[in-house]
Protein backbone atom coordinates (compact mmCIF):
# COMPACT_ATOMS: atom_id res chain seq x y z
CA MET A 1 -1.23 11.97 -15.32
CA LYS A 2 -4.79 10.73 -14.10
CA ALA A 3 -5.74 8.10 -11.71
CA LEU A 4 -8.62 6.33 -10.48
CA PHE A 5 -8.68 6.77 -6.53
CA GLY A 6 -10.54 4.92 -3.80
CA ARG A 7 -11.27 5.76 -0.45
CA LYS A 8 -10.38 3.36 2.56
CA PHE A 9 -9.53 0.04 0.42
CA TYR A 10 -8.90 -3.12 2.96
CA ASN A 11 -6.23 -4.68 0.81
CA ILE A 12 -5.35 -4.78 -3.29
CA GLU A 13 -8.21 -7.32 -4.22
CA GLU A 14 -10.82 -4.80 -3.01
CA LEU A 15 -9.11 -1.99 -5.05
CA ARG A 16 -8.54 -3.90 -8.07
CA GLU A 17 -11.97 -5.28 -8.12
CA ALA A 18 -13.27 -1.51 -7.64
CA THR A 19 -10.87 0.01 -10.39
CA GLU A 20 -12.55 -2.39 -12.87
CA GLU A 21 -15.80 -1.66 -12.01
CA ALA A 22 -14.97 2.03 -12.16
CA LYS A 23 -13.62 1.70 -15.47
CA ARG A 24 -16.30 -0.41 -16.78
CA LYS A 25 -18.79 2.64 -15.75
CA GLY A 26 -16.42 4.83 -17.59
CA VAL A 27 -15.16 7.04 -14.40
CA VAL A 28 -12.84 9.43 -15.25
CA GLY A 29 -9.51 9.61 -12.82
CA SER A 30 -8.22 12.22 -10.85
CA ASP A 31 -5.32 14.53 -11.60
CA TYR A 32 -2.03 13.63 -9.70
CA THR A 33 1.79 14.54 -9.15
CA ILE A 34 4.25 12.32 -7.39
CA ILE A 35 5.87 14.08 -4.21
CA ARG A 36 8.11 11.35 -3.50
CA GLU A 37 8.58 7.33 -4.24
CA VAL A 38 8.93 4.56 -1.93
CA LYS A 39 10.51 1.28 -2.80
CA LEU A 40 9.53 -2.22 -1.55
CA THR A 41 10.75 -5.67 -1.63
CA ASP A 42 8.12 -8.09 -3.21
CA GLU A 43 7.55 -9.37 0.73
CA GLN A 44 7.10 -5.65 1.51
CA PHE A 45 4.74 -4.73 -1.03
CA LYS A 46 2.76 -8.01 -0.51
CA LYS A 47 2.53 -7.14 3.44
CA PHE A 48 1.55 -3.13 2.26
CA THR A 49 -1.37 -4.22 0.11
CA SER A 50 -2.98 -6.88 2.50
CA ASP A 51 -3.69 -4.43 4.70
CA PHE A 52 -4.15 -0.65 3.46
CA LEU A 53 -5.24 0.37 6.68
CA ALA A 54 -1.93 -0.02 8.63
CA ASP A 55 -0.19 2.87 9.16
CA GLN A 56 3.12 2.94 7.29
CA PRO A 57 6.72 4.04 8.68
CA TRP A 58 7.04 6.32 5.18
CA ILE A 59 4.12 8.00 5.23
CA GLU A 60 3.82 11.45 7.11
CA LYS A 61 1.12 13.49 8.42
CA GLY A 62 2.18 16.27 6.04
CA ASP A 63 2.08 13.73 3.03
CA GLY A 64 -1.10 14.14 0.53
CA GLY A 65 -3.81 16.77 -0.02
CA HIS A 66 -4.15 18.77 -2.98
CA ASN A 67 -1.28 21.31 -4.53
CA LYS A 68 -1.90 24.45 -6.04
CA ASN A 69 -3.29 23.13 -9.40
CA GLY A 70 -5.89 21.13 -7.91
CA GLU A 71 -3.41 17.87 -8.56
CA LEU A 72 -3.75 15.28 -5.54
CA ARG A 73 -0.17 14.65 -4.13
CA CYS A 74 0.89 11.11 -3.75
CA ILE A 75 3.40 9.03 -2.86
CA ARG A 76 4.29 6.21 -5.63
CA VAL A 77 4.92 2.85 -3.87
CA ILE A 78 6.96 0.53 -6.20
CA ASN A 79 7.41 -3.12 -5.66
CA LEU A 80 10.81 -3.40 -6.96
CA GLU A 81 10.46 -7.00 -7.89
CA THR A 82 7.63 -6.69 -10.12
CA GLY A 83 7.12 -3.07 -10.92
CA GLU A 84 3.68 -2.96 -9.78
CA LYS A 85 3.17 0.72 -8.64
CA ILE A 86 0.14 1.84 -6.18
CA LEU A 87 -0.59 5.43 -5.42
CA THR A 88 -1.36 6.94 -2.01
CA ASN A 89 -2.71 10.39 -1.16
CA PRO A 90 -2.74 9.87 2.85
CA GLU A 91 -4.59 13.24 3.38
CA GLY A 92 -2.68 13.87 5.99
CA PHE A 93 -2.93 10.73 7.93
CA GLU A 94 -0.36 7.83 8.12
CA TYR A 95 -2.37 5.31 6.07
CA PRO A 96 -2.81 4.95 2.62
CA ARG A 97 -6.05 6.89 3.06
CA TYR A 98 -6.98 7.26 -0.84
CA ILE A 99 -5.13 4.61 -3.02
CA SER A 100 -4.99 3.63 -6.67
CA ILE A 101 -3.30 1.59 -8.95
CA GLU A 102 -1.02 3.24 -11.16
CA GLU A 103 -1.13 1.95 -14.91
């Protein structure tokens, strides 16, 4: 699986714009694997996606990084009402340092 990851986006609008721009330019995504899923209500998901720089209680310092195959180790965050999915590779931080929209 491949996804287009960006670094330190403030909110989902910035992420969507950057994703569309990367697609227009033909950028190839990075390989990733899911280490766990977090399911949020619509209200929780909107709060999460309005400030990606905020620490999250479900992200631990050991999350993220790469596995032995070079894939990004990601947390999949799912909006329970809409099914929208965000991937995050926190790279040892407690906020979504690298983030992508999972298609």
